[in-house]
C-alpha atoms as a PDB file:
ATOM      1  CA  MET A   1      -3.590  -0.898 -32.874  1.00  0.00           C
ATOM      2  CA  THR A   2      -3.392  -3.219 -29.996  1.00  0.00           C
ATOM      3  CA  GLU A   3      -2.337  -1.060 -26.583  1.00  0.00           C
ATOM      4  CA  SER A   4       1.129  -2.483 -24.923  1.00  0.00           C
ATOM      5  CA  SER A   5       1.048  -3.676 -22.090  1.00  0.00           C
ATOM      6  CA  SER A   6       3.142  -0.940 -20.609  1.00  0.00           C
ATOM      7  CA  ARG A   7       0.936   1.442 -21.637  1.00  0.00           C
ATOM      8  CA  ARG A   8      -2.039  -0.008 -20.151  1.00  0.00           C
ATOM      9  CA  GLY A   9      -0.422  -0.375 -16.708  1.00  0.00           C
ATOM     10  CA  PHE A  10       0.204   3.113 -16.833  1.00  0.00           C
ATOM     11  CA  ARG A  11      -3.200   3.895 -18.037  1.00  0.00           C
ATOM     12  CA  ASP A  12      -4.576   1.725 -15.344  1.00  0.00           C
ATOM     13  CA  THR A  13      -2.625   3.587 -12.429  1.00  0.00           C
ATOM     14  CA  LEU A  14      -4.124   6.740 -13.427  1.00  0.00           C
ATOM     15  CA  PRO A  15      -7.060   6.533 -11.317  1.00  0.00           C
ATOM     16  CA  LEU A  16      -4.891   5.940  -8.410  1.00  0.00           C
ATOM     17  CA  ILE A  17      -2.595   8.993  -8.327  1.00  0.00           C
ATOM     18  CA  PRO A  18      -5.000  11.408  -6.773  1.00  0.00           C
ATOM     19  CA  PRO A  19      -5.706   9.693  -3.682  1.00  0.00           C
ATOM     20  CA  LEU A  20      -1.653   8.662  -3.360  1.00  0.00           C
ATOM     21  CA  ILE A  21      -1.015  12.087  -3.782  1.00  0.00           C
ATOM     22  CA  VAL A  22      -3.284  12.751  -0.824  1.00  0.00           C
ATOM     23  CA  PHE A  23      -1.863   9.661   1.336  1.00  0.00           C
ATOM     24  CA  GLY A  24       2.068  11.225   0.232  1.00  0.00           C
ATOM     25  CA  LEU A  25       1.436  14.457   1.440  1.00  0.00           C
ATOM     26  CA  VAL A  26      -0.313  13.691   4.628  1.00  0.00           C
ATOM     27  CA  TYR A  27       2.518  10.911   5.697  1.00  0.00           C
ATOM     28  CA  GLY A  28       5.283  13.354   4.698  1.00  0.00           C
ATOM     29  CA  ALA A  29       3.655  16.127   7.225  1.00  0.00           C
ATOM     30  CA  LEU A  30       3.080  13.560   9.946  1.00  0.00           C
ATOM     31  CA  ALA A  31       7.193  12.207   9.243  1.00  0.00           C
ATOM     32  CA  ALA A  32       7.697  15.860   9.620  1.00  0.00           C
ATOM     33  CA  GLN A  33       5.701  15.829  12.999  1.00  0.00           C
ATOM     34  CA  VAL A  34       8.053  13.213  14.399  1.00  0.00           C
ATOM     35  CA  GLY A  35      11.456  14.986  13.293  1.00  0.00           C
ATOM     36  CA  PHE A  36      12.003  13.246  10.076  1.00  0.00           C
ATOM     37  CA  SER A  37      13.892  15.748   7.432  1.00  0.00           C
ATOM     38  CA  PRO A  38      12.456  15.967   3.896  1.00  0.00           C
ATOM     39  CA  LEU A  39      15.755  14.049   3.107  1.00  0.00           C
ATOM     40  CA  VAL A  40      15.187  11.277   5.804  1.00  0.00           C
ATOM     41  CA  THR A  41      11.346  11.167   4.948  1.00  0.00           C
ATOM     42  CA  GLY A  42      12.313  10.723   0.941  1.00  0.00           C
ATOM     43  CA  LEU A  43      14.933   8.092   1.973  1.00  0.00           C
ATOM     44  CA  SER A  44      12.075   5.997   3.853  1.00  0.00           C
ATOM     45  CA  SER A  45      10.041   6.274   0.959  1.00  0.00           C
ATOM     46  CA  LEU A  46      13.073   4.821  -1.412  1.00  0.00           C
ATOM     47  CA  LEU A  47      14.179   1.987   0.881  1.00  0.00           C
ATOM     48  CA  ILE A  48      10.845   1.074   2.529  1.00  0.00           C
ATOM     49  CA  VAL A  49       8.429   1.627  -0.484  1.00  0.00           C
ATOM     50  CA  SER A  50       5.079   0.745   1.776  1.00  0.00           C
ATOM     51  CA  GLY A  51       2.797   3.694   2.865  1.00  0.00           C
ATOM     52  CA  SER A  52       0.935   1.089   5.241  1.00  0.00           C
ATOM     53  CA  ALA A  53       4.437   0.066   7.021  1.00  0.00           C
ATOM     54  CA  GLN A  54       5.481   3.856   6.775  1.00  0.00           C
ATOM     55  CA  LEU A  55       2.543   5.339   8.483  1.00  0.00           C
ATOM     56  CA  ALA A  56       2.552   2.766  11.049  1.00  0.00           C
ATOM     57  CA  MET A  57       6.477   3.439  11.903  1.00  0.00           C
ATOM     58  CA  VAL A  58       5.543   7.369  12.610  1.00  0.00           C
ATOM     59  CA  GLY A  59       3.047   6.714  14.451  1.00  0.00           C
ATOM     60  CA  LEU A  60       4.242   4.149  16.392  1.00  0.00           C
ATOM     61  CA  ILE A  61       7.523   6.193  16.735  1.00  0.00           C
ATOM     62  CA  PRO A  62       6.327   7.523  20.366  1.00  0.00           C
ATOM     63  CA  PHE A  63       6.088   4.055  21.771  1.00  0.00           C
ATOM     64  CA  GLY A  64       9.713   2.811  21.106  1.00  0.00           C
ATOM     65  CA  ALA A  65      11.583   0.501  18.636  1.00  0.00           C
ATOM     66  CA  GLY A  66       9.528  -2.436  19.442  1.00  0.00           C
ATOM     67  CA  PRO A  67       6.046  -1.554  18.757  1.00  0.00           C
ATOM     68  CA  VAL A  68       7.359  -0.352  15.455  1.00  0.00           C
ATOM     69  CA  LEU A  69       9.235  -3.595  14.663  1.00  0.00           C
ATOM     70  CA  VAL A  70       6.076  -5.639  15.554  1.00  0.00           C
ATOM     71  CA  ALA A  71       3.720  -3.543  13.395  1.00  0.00           C
ATOM     72  CA  THR A  72       5.595  -3.145  10.444  1.00  0.00           C
ATOM     73  CA  THR A  73       7.154  -6.769  10.403  1.00  0.00           C
ATOM     74  CA  GLY A  74       3.404  -7.760  10.487  1.00  0.00           C
ATOM     75  CA  LEU A  75       2.408  -5.786   7.641  1.00  0.00           C
ATOM     76  CA  ALA A  76       5.685  -6.830   5.592  1.00  0.00           C
ATOM     77  CA  LEU A  77       4.748 -10.372   5.948  1.00  0.00           C
ATOM     78  CA  ARG A  78       1.546  -9.994   3.618  1.00  0.00           C
ATOM     79  CA  HIS A  79       4.086  -9.591   0.874  1.00  0.00           C
ATOM     80  CA  ILE A  80       5.112 -13.690   1.145  1.00  0.00           C
ATOM     81  CA  PRO A  81       1.802 -14.675  -0.408  1.00  0.00           C
ATOM     82  CA  MET A  82       1.832 -11.614  -2.701  1.00  0.00           C
ATOM     83  CA  GLY A  83       4.880 -12.580  -4.205  1.00  0.00           C
ATOM     84  CA  ILE A  84       4.451 -16.117  -4.526  1.00  0.00           C
ATOM     85  CA  HIS A  85       0.921 -15.177  -6.345  1.00  0.00           C
ATOM     86  CA  LEU A  86       2.458 -12.950  -8.844  1.00  0.00           C
ATOM     87  CA  SER A  87       5.534 -14.876  -9.242  1.00  0.00           C
ATOM     88  CA  ASP A  88       3.027 -17.921 -10.571  1.00  0.00           C
ATOM     89  CA  LEU A  89       1.103 -15.577 -12.846  1.00  0.00           C
ATOM     90  CA  ILE A  90       3.870 -13.525 -14.467  1.00  0.00           C
ATOM     91  CA  GLY A  91       6.020 -16.733 -15.155  1.00  0.00           C
ATOM     92  CA  PRO A  92       9.976 -16.670 -15.574  1.00  0.00           C
ATOM     93  CA  VAL A  93      11.395 -13.351 -16.086  1.00  0.00           C
ATOM     94  CA  SER A  94      15.246 -12.070 -15.959  1.00  0.00           C
ATOM     95  CA  PRO A  95      17.070 -11.754 -12.502  1.00  0.00           C
ATOM     96  CA  TRP A  96      17.212  -7.619 -13.145  1.00  0.00           C
ATOM     97  CA  GLN A  97      13.098  -7.973 -13.648  1.00  0.00           C
ATOM     98  CA  ARG A  98      12.685 -10.137 -10.944  1.00  0.00           C
ATOM     99  CA  PHE A  99      14.771  -7.917  -8.606  1.00  0.00           C
ATOM    100  CA  HIS A 100      12.688  -4.513  -9.558  1.00  0.00           C
ATOM    101  CA  LEU A 101       9.253  -6.509  -9.665  1.00  0.00           C
ATOM    102  CA  SER A 102       9.543  -7.924  -5.935  1.00  0.00           C
ATOM    103  CA  TRP A 103      11.553  -4.367  -5.104  1.00  0.00           C
ATOM    104  CA  ILE A 104       8.153  -2.557  -5.383  1.00  0.00           C
ATOM    105  CA  LEU A 105       5.629  -4.770  -4.197  1.00  0.00           C
ATOM    106  CA  VAL A 106       2.610  -2.647  -3.259  1.00  0.00           C
ATOM    107  CA  ASP A 107      -1.118  -3.450  -2.671  1.00  0.00           C
ATOM    108  CA  GLU A 108      -2.240  -1.219  -5.570  1.00  0.00           C
ATOM    109  CA  SER A 109      -0.176  -2.888  -8.085  1.00  0.00           C
ATOM    110  CA  TYR A 110      -1.064  -6.248  -6.788  1.00  0.00           C
ATOM    111  CA  GLY A 111      -4.010  -5.711  -7.468  1.00  0.00           C
ATOM    112  CA  LEU A 112      -3.943  -3.899 -10.770  1.00  0.00           C
ATOM    113  CA  THR A 113      -1.960  -7.021 -12.011  1.00  0.00           C
ATOM    114  CA  VAL A 114      -3.905  -9.576 -10.827  1.00  0.00           C
ATOM    115  CA  THR A 115      -7.253  -7.907 -12.370  1.00  0.00           C
ATOM    116  CA  ALA A 116      -4.831  -7.544 -15.513  1.00  0.00           C
ATOM    117  CA  ALA A 117      -4.060 -11.077 -15.564  1.00  0.00           C
ATOM    118  CA  GLU A 118      -7.907 -12.004 -15.214  1.00  0.00           C
ATOM    119  CA  LYS A 119      -8.308 -10.216 -18.241  1.00  0.00           C
ATOM    120  CA  GLY A 120      -5.544 -11.387 -20.260  1.00  0.00           C
ATOM    121  CA  VAL A 121      -3.100  -8.885 -20.381  1.00  0.00           C
ATOM    122  CA  PRO A 122      -0.310 -10.976 -22.329  1.00  0.00           C
ATOM    123  CA  ASP A 123       3.248  -9.114 -20.691  1.00  0.00           C
ATOM    124  CA  LEU A 124       2.458  -9.044 -16.872  1.00  0.00           C
ATOM    125  CA  ALA A 125       5.928  -8.180 -16.258  1.00  0.00           C
ATOM    126  CA  ALA A 126       5.416  -4.914 -18.327  1.00  0.00           C
ATOM    127  CA  TYR A 127       2.216  -4.210 -17.008  1.00  0.00           C
ATOM    128  CA  LYS A 128       3.426  -4.422 -13.438  1.00  0.00           C
ATOM    129  CA  THR A 129       6.759  -2.300 -14.227  1.00  0.00           C
ATOM    130  CA  ALA A 130       4.699   0.442 -15.538  1.00  0.00           C
ATOM    131  CA  ALA A 131       2.145   0.524 -12.246  1.00  0.00           C
ATOM    132  CA  ASP A 132       4.711   0.227 -10.234  1.00  0.00           C
ATOM    133  CA  PHE A 133       7.246   2.711 -11.126  1.00  0.00           C
ATOM    134  CA  THR A 134       4.049   5.409 -11.895  1.00  0.00           C
ATOM    135  CA  LEU A 135       2.980   4.834  -7.992  1.00  0.00           C
ATOM    136  CA  PHE A 136       6.731   5.005  -6.838  1.00  0.00           C
ATOM    137  CA  ALA A 137       7.402   8.135  -8.533  1.00  0.00           C
ATOM    138  CA  SER A 138       4.471   9.475  -7.443  1.00  0.00           C
ATOM    139  CA  TRP A 139       4.922   8.461  -3.783  1.00  0.00           C
ATOM    140  CA  VAL A 140       8.156   9.599  -3.411  1.00  0.00           C
ATOM    141  CA  VAL A 141       7.794  13.159  -4.641  1.00  0.00           C
ATOM    142  CA  THR A 142       4.709  14.050  -2.418  1.00  0.00           C
ATOM    143  CA  THR A 143       6.187  12.438   0.274  1.00  0.00           C
ATOM    144  CA  VAL A 144       8.827  14.927   0.284  1.00  0.00           C
ATOM    145  CA  ILE A 145       6.705  17.443  -0.514  1.00  0.00           C
ATOM    146  CA  GLY A 146       4.438  16.779   2.094  1.00  0.00           C
ATOM    147  CA  ALA A 147       7.737  16.721   4.636  1.00  0.00           C
ATOM    148  CA  VAL A 148       8.954  20.487   3.722  1.00  0.00           C
ATOM    149  CA  VAL A 149       4.813  21.855   4.077  1.00  0.00           C
ATOM    150  CA  GLY A 150       4.499  19.828   7.646  1.00  0.00           C
ATOM    151  CA  ALA A 151       7.207  20.939   8.930  1.00  0.00           C
ATOM    152  CA  GLN A 152       5.066  24.390   9.238  1.00  0.00           C
ATOM    153  CA  LEU A 153       2.100  22.991  10.588  1.00  0.00           C
ATOM    154  CA  ASP A 154       0.221  20.055  12.874  1.00  0.00           C
ATOM    155  CA  PRO A 155      -1.665  17.774  10.504  1.00  0.00           C
ATOM    156  CA  THR A 156      -4.043  16.868  13.508  1.00  0.00           C
ATOM    157  CA  ARG A 157      -4.974  20.491  14.443  1.00  0.00           C
ATOM    158  CA  TYR A 158      -6.336  20.204  10.395  1.00  0.00           C
ATOM    159  CA  GLY A 159      -7.937  16.678  10.714  1.00  0.00           C
ATOM    160  CA  LEU A 160      -5.166  15.581   8.295  1.00  0.00           C
ATOM    161  CA  ASP A 161      -4.650  12.384  10.068  1.00  0.00           C
ATOM    162  CA  ALA A 162      -8.302  11.616   9.514  1.00  0.00           C
ATOM    163  CA  VAL A 163      -7.836  11.562   5.688  1.00  0.00           C
ATOM    164  CA  ILE A 164      -5.620   8.154   5.637  1.00  0.00           C
ATOM    165  CA  PRO A 165      -8.293   6.062   6.434  1.00  0.00           C
ATOM    166  CA  LEU A 166     -10.271   7.738   3.984  1.00  0.00           C
ATOM    167  CA  VAL A 167      -7.438   7.510   1.375  1.00  0.00           C
ATOM    168  CA  PHE A 168      -6.861   3.787   1.941  1.00  0.00           C
ATOM    169  CA  LEU A 169     -10.530   3.023   0.896  1.00  0.00           C
ATOM    170  CA  GLY A 170     -10.248   5.047  -2.150  1.00  0.00           C
ATOM    171  CA  LEU A 171      -7.099   3.334  -3.079  1.00  0.00           C
ATOM    172  CA  ALA A 172      -8.909  -0.146  -2.573  1.00  0.00           C
ATOM    173  CA  ALA A 173     -12.069   0.845  -4.295  1.00  0.00           C
ATOM    174  CA  ALA A 174     -10.213   1.500  -7.320  1.00  0.00           C
ATOM    175  CA  ILE A 175      -9.007  -2.061  -7.695  1.00  0.00           C
ATOM    176  CA  ILE A 176     -11.414  -4.260  -5.736  1.00  0.00           C
ATOM    177  CA  ARG A 177     -13.350  -6.476  -8.073  1.00  0.00           C
ATOM    178  CA  GLY A 178     -15.800  -9.135  -6.789  1.00  0.00           C
ATOM    179  CA  TRP A 179     -17.614  -9.649  -3.835  1.00  0.00           C
ATOM    180  CA  ARG A 180     -15.280 -11.753  -1.784  1.00  0.00           C
ATOM    181  CA  ARG A 181     -12.710  -9.194  -2.185  1.00  0.00           C
ATOM    182  CA  TRP A 182     -15.251  -6.718  -1.248  1.00  0.00           C
ATOM    183  CA  LEU A 183     -15.881  -8.965   1.870  1.00  0.00           C
ATOM    184  CA  ALA A 184     -12.626  -8.981   2.595  1.00  0.00           C
ATOM    185  CA  ALA A 185     -12.526  -5.116   2.586  1.00  0.00           C
ATOM    186  CA  ALA A 186     -15.347  -4.942   4.758  1.00  0.00           C
ATOM    187  CA  LEU A 187     -13.649  -7.561   7.209  1.00  0.00           C
ATOM    188  CA  ALA A 188     -10.449  -5.785   7.177  1.00  0.00           C
ATOM    189  CA  VAL A 189     -12.669  -2.346   8.122  1.00  0.00           C
ATOM    190  CA  GLY A 190     -14.551  -4.307  10.848  1.00  0.00           C
ATOM    191  CA  THR A 191     -11.537  -5.746  12.640  1.00  0.00           C
ATOM    192  CA  THR A 192      -9.515  -2.765  12.311  1.00  0.00           C
ATOM    193  CA  PHE A 193     -12.413  -1.068  14.645  1.00  0.00           C
ATOM    194  CA  LEU A 194     -12.138  -4.048  17.238  1.00  0.00           C
ATOM    195  CA  ALA A 195      -8.608  -3.913  17.314  1.00  0.00           C
ATOM    196  CA  VAL A 196      -8.195  -0.223  17.938  1.00  0.00           C
ATOM    197  CA  ALA A 197     -10.962  -0.736  20.776  1.00  0.00           C
ATOM    198  CA  PHE A 198      -9.437  -3.696  22.542  1.00  0.00           C
ATOM    199  CA  LEU A 199      -5.395  -4.093  21.494  1.00  0.00           C
ATOM    200  CA  PRO A 200      -2.167  -1.958  22.201  1.00  0.00           C
ATOM    201  CA  PRO A 201      -1.238   0.262  19.208  1.00  0.00           C
ATOM    202  CA  ALA A 202       1.631  -1.710  18.056  1.00  0.00           C
ATOM    203  CA  TRP A 203      -0.552  -4.910  17.445  1.00  0.00           C
ATOM    204  CA  GLN A 204      -3.712  -3.318  15.954  1.00  0.00           C
ATOM    205  CA  LEU A 205      -2.750  -3.033  12.212  1.00  0.00           C
ATOM    206  CA  THR A 206      -1.096  -6.497  12.094  1.00  0.00           C
ATOM    207  CA  SER A 207      -3.794  -8.407  13.981  1.00  0.00           C
ATOM    208  CA  ALA A 208      -6.715  -6.399  11.887  1.00  0.00           C
ATOM    209  CA  ALA A 209      -5.166  -7.455   8.930  1.00  0.00           C
ATOM    210  CA  PHE A 210      -4.289 -10.855   9.802  1.00  0.00           C
ATOM    211  CA  LEU A 211      -7.796 -11.842  11.200  1.00  0.00           C
ATOM    212  CA  ALA A 212      -9.683 -10.224   7.917  1.00  0.00           C
ATOM    213  CA  ALA A 213      -7.545 -12.404   5.600  1.00  0.00           C
ATOM    214  CA  LEU A 214      -8.399 -15.836   7.836  1.00  0.00           C
ATOM    215  CA  LEU A 215     -12.107 -14.931   7.545  1.00  0.00           C
ATOM    216  CA  ALA A 216     -12.234 -13.805   3.942  1.00  0.00           C
ATOM    217  CA  ALA A 217     -10.159 -17.243   3.094  1.00  0.00           C
ATOM    218  CA  ALA A 218     -12.614 -19.110   5.103  1.00  0.00           C
ATOM    219  CA  VAL A 219     -15.755 -17.799   3.005  1.00  0.00           C
ATOM    220  CA  PRO A 220     -16.432 -20.454   0.252  1.00  0.00           C
ATOM    221  CA  GLY A 221     -16.988 -19.784  -3.552  1.00  0.00           C
ATOM    222  CA  PRO A 222     -15.839 -18.253  -6.731  1.00  0.00           C
ATOM    223  CA  ALA A 223     -13.966 -14.319  -6.564  1.00  0.00           C
ATOM    224  CA  GLU A 224     -16.639 -12.655  -8.847  1.00  0.00           C
END
């Protein structure tokens, strides 16, 4: 019996859940430290649906609204090429499908869906929907739990904030295929170190991601 696209999307997402749980718990704990209640933390996960933007938000809140807007807007710009690419891959869908496929547009399900397209999965809309909601449910629940627990501890005291880069690397490693994508990931790590060393906090993530994308796009040759 042939495995359905939805079932395959759920199955392919499962290896990402353990690092995502760690990420969600740490984000929730950090959010609690800047004054977010569990309710506000949960709402941020429901409405923003972006771990990187939410993490940048709680990290930059002490610097004021300007740095938060600069960093989160810069991070959000990546959704434009991601959305265009997925639209081409998935093809025409109903308005309802288009709404939820665009509402939950995260790096993990994007990478999984692109890989699924390369492998010939027939129904990419169903595949991405299953991946999206598996990730989404895990993210919302664990961030709220993290906020409840985090109100009782200081994440920096236990080194929990240092876990975030390792979690991102773990999430990326599960979906990266091909030498050009590994090159882009390596460039992102390298440019992030440079940005942290030389740029103000508001510009670090945005500038590193933009420069890494430009450098990776300039490398000729096939993806694999």
